[in-house]
Amino acid sequence: MVGRVVPAGTLKPVIAKLHQEFVKAGKDADVVRRLGEIGIRVVTNKPEEFAAFMAAETERLGKVVRASGSRAD
């Protein structure tokens, strides 16, 4: 999954405008085709849905890393 993130504290109207523009681009047939050529499927989830996905993945993968004993050097 590819997503876009903004700095913490970004104002909600700014996030809404960015999302609106990305959704618009994600409906453009040429954009969808070109991204599809490199293996990217366009999904235009709401910002809240993406945030929930990222939180769940952080939790899930955090457990895997902790269980593996891996450490950052």
C-alpha atoms as a PDB file:
ATOM      1  CA  MET A   1       0.000   0.000   0.000  1.00  0.00           C
ATOM      2  CA  VAL A   2       1.181   3.467  -0.770  1.00  0.00           C
ATOM      3  CA  GLY A   3      -0.065   6.336   1.301  1.00  0.00           C
ATOM      4  CA  ARG A   4       0.626   9.942   1.869  1.00  0.00           C
ATOM      5  CA  VAL A   5       1.368  11.345   5.275  1.00  0.00           C
ATOM      6  CA  VAL A   6       1.631  14.870   6.595  1.00  0.00           C
ATOM      7  CA  PRO A   7       3.284  16.254   9.702  1.00  0.00           C
ATOM      8  CA  ALA A   8       1.455  15.822  12.991  1.00  0.00           C
ATOM      9  CA  GLY A   9      -0.709  18.818  13.714  1.00  0.00           C
ATOM     10  CA  THR A  10      -1.552  19.545  10.076  1.00  0.00           C
ATOM     11  CA  LEU A  11      -4.890  21.340  10.037  1.00  0.00           C
ATOM     12  CA  LYS A  12      -7.897  19.233   9.064  1.00  0.00           C
ATOM     13  CA  PRO A  13      -8.939  21.582   6.214  1.00  0.00           C
ATOM     14  CA  VAL A  14      -5.470  21.139   4.682  1.00  0.00           C
ATOM     15  CA  ILE A  15      -5.734  17.360   4.988  1.00  0.00           C
ATOM     16  CA  ALA A  16      -9.218  17.466   3.443  1.00  0.00           C
ATOM     17  CA  LYS A  17      -7.995  19.525   0.472  1.00  0.00           C
ATOM     18  CA  LEU A  18      -5.009  17.242  -0.111  1.00  0.00           C
ATOM     19  CA  HIS A  19      -7.283  14.202   0.064  1.00  0.00           C
ATOM     20  CA  GLN A  20      -9.717  15.797  -2.383  1.00  0.00           C
ATOM     21  CA  GLU A  21      -6.916  16.396  -4.891  1.00  0.00           C
ATOM     22  CA  PHE A  22      -5.483  12.880  -4.523  1.00  0.00           C
ATOM     23  CA  VAL A  23      -8.952  11.386  -5.037  1.00  0.00           C
ATOM     24  CA  LYS A  24      -9.348  13.506  -8.162  1.00  0.00           C
ATOM     25  CA  ALA A  25      -5.989  12.276  -9.480  1.00  0.00           C
ATOM     26  CA  GLY A  26      -6.923   8.703  -8.539  1.00  0.00           C
ATOM     27  CA  LYS A  27      -9.934   8.892 -10.841  1.00  0.00           C
ATOM     28  CA  ASP A  28      -7.899  10.044 -13.830  1.00  0.00           C
ATOM     29  CA  ALA A  29      -7.706   7.148 -16.309  1.00  0.00           C
ATOM     30  CA  ASP A  30      -4.151   8.025 -17.390  1.00  0.00           C
ATOM     31  CA  VAL A  31      -2.918   8.174 -13.797  1.00  0.00           C
ATOM     32  CA  VAL A  32      -4.580   4.845 -12.975  1.00  0.00           C
ATOM     33  CA  ARG A  33      -3.145   3.230 -16.112  1.00  0.00           C
ATOM     34  CA  ARG A  34       0.385   4.518 -15.537  1.00  0.00           C
ATOM     35  CA  LEU A  35       0.424   3.491 -11.886  1.00  0.00           C
ATOM     36  CA  GLY A  36      -1.012   0.107 -12.846  1.00  0.00           C
ATOM     37  CA  GLU A  37       1.921  -0.401 -15.213  1.00  0.00           C
ATOM     38  CA  ILE A  38       4.260  -0.363 -12.229  1.00  0.00           C
ATOM     39  CA  GLY A  39       2.048  -2.545 -10.070  1.00  0.00           C
ATOM     40  CA  ILE A  40       0.175   0.081  -8.066  1.00  0.00           C
ATOM     41  CA  ARG A  41      -3.579  -0.254  -7.624  1.00  0.00           C
ATOM     42  CA  VAL A  42      -5.229   3.059  -6.795  1.00  0.00           C
ATOM     43  CA  VAL A  43      -7.375   3.066  -3.655  1.00  0.00           C
ATOM     44  CA  THR A  44      -8.776   6.320  -2.338  1.00  0.00           C
ATOM     45  CA  ASN A  45      -9.535   5.564   1.293  1.00  0.00           C
ATOM     46  CA  LYS A  46     -10.527   8.345   3.630  1.00  0.00           C
ATOM     47  CA  PRO A  47      -7.726   9.810   5.782  1.00  0.00           C
ATOM     48  CA  GLU A  48      -9.271   8.234   8.892  1.00  0.00           C
ATOM     49  CA  GLU A  49      -9.290   4.808   7.243  1.00  0.00           C
ATOM     50  CA  PHE A  50      -5.633   5.116   6.292  1.00  0.00           C
ATOM     51  CA  ALA A  51      -4.739   6.249   9.819  1.00  0.00           C
ATOM     52  CA  ALA A  52      -6.551   3.229  11.274  1.00  0.00           C
ATOM     53  CA  PHE A  53      -4.758   0.905   8.827  1.00  0.00           C
ATOM     54  CA  MET A  54      -1.367   2.385   9.741  1.00  0.00           C
ATOM     55  CA  ALA A  55      -2.077   2.061  13.471  1.00  0.00           C
ATOM     56  CA  ALA A  56      -3.121  -1.575  13.062  1.00  0.00           C
ATOM     57  CA  GLU A  57      -0.073  -2.400  10.928  1.00  0.00           C
ATOM     58  CA  THR A  58       2.262  -0.670  13.379  1.00  0.00           C
ATOM     59  CA  GLU A  59       0.838  -2.772  16.197  1.00  0.00           C
ATOM     60  CA  ARG A  60       0.914  -6.008  14.172  1.00  0.00           C
ATOM     61  CA  LEU A  61       4.434  -5.553  12.836  1.00  0.00           C
ATOM     62  CA  GLY A  62       5.702  -4.273  16.174  1.00  0.00           C
ATOM     63  CA  LYS A  63       4.745  -7.605  17.700  1.00  0.00           C
ATOM     64  CA  VAL A  64       6.623  -9.450  14.953  1.00  0.00           C
ATOM     65  CA  VAL A  65       9.754  -7.360  15.439  1.00  0.00           C
ATOM     66  CA  ARG A  66       9.673  -7.719  19.225  1.00  0.00           C
ATOM     67  CA  ALA A  67       9.154 -11.484  18.962  1.00  0.00           C
ATOM     68  CA  SER A  68      12.058 -11.791  16.525  1.00  0.00           C
ATOM     69  CA  GLY A  69      14.457  -9.992  18.852  1.00  0.00           C
ATOM     70  CA  SER A  70      15.549  -7.719  16.002  1.00  0.00           C
ATOM     71  CA  ARG A  71      17.239  -4.471  16.943  1.00  0.00           C
ATOM     72  CA  ALA A  72      18.110  -1.350  15.018  1.00  0.00           C
ATOM     73  CA  ASP A  73      21.820  -0.648  14.810  1.00  0.00           C
END
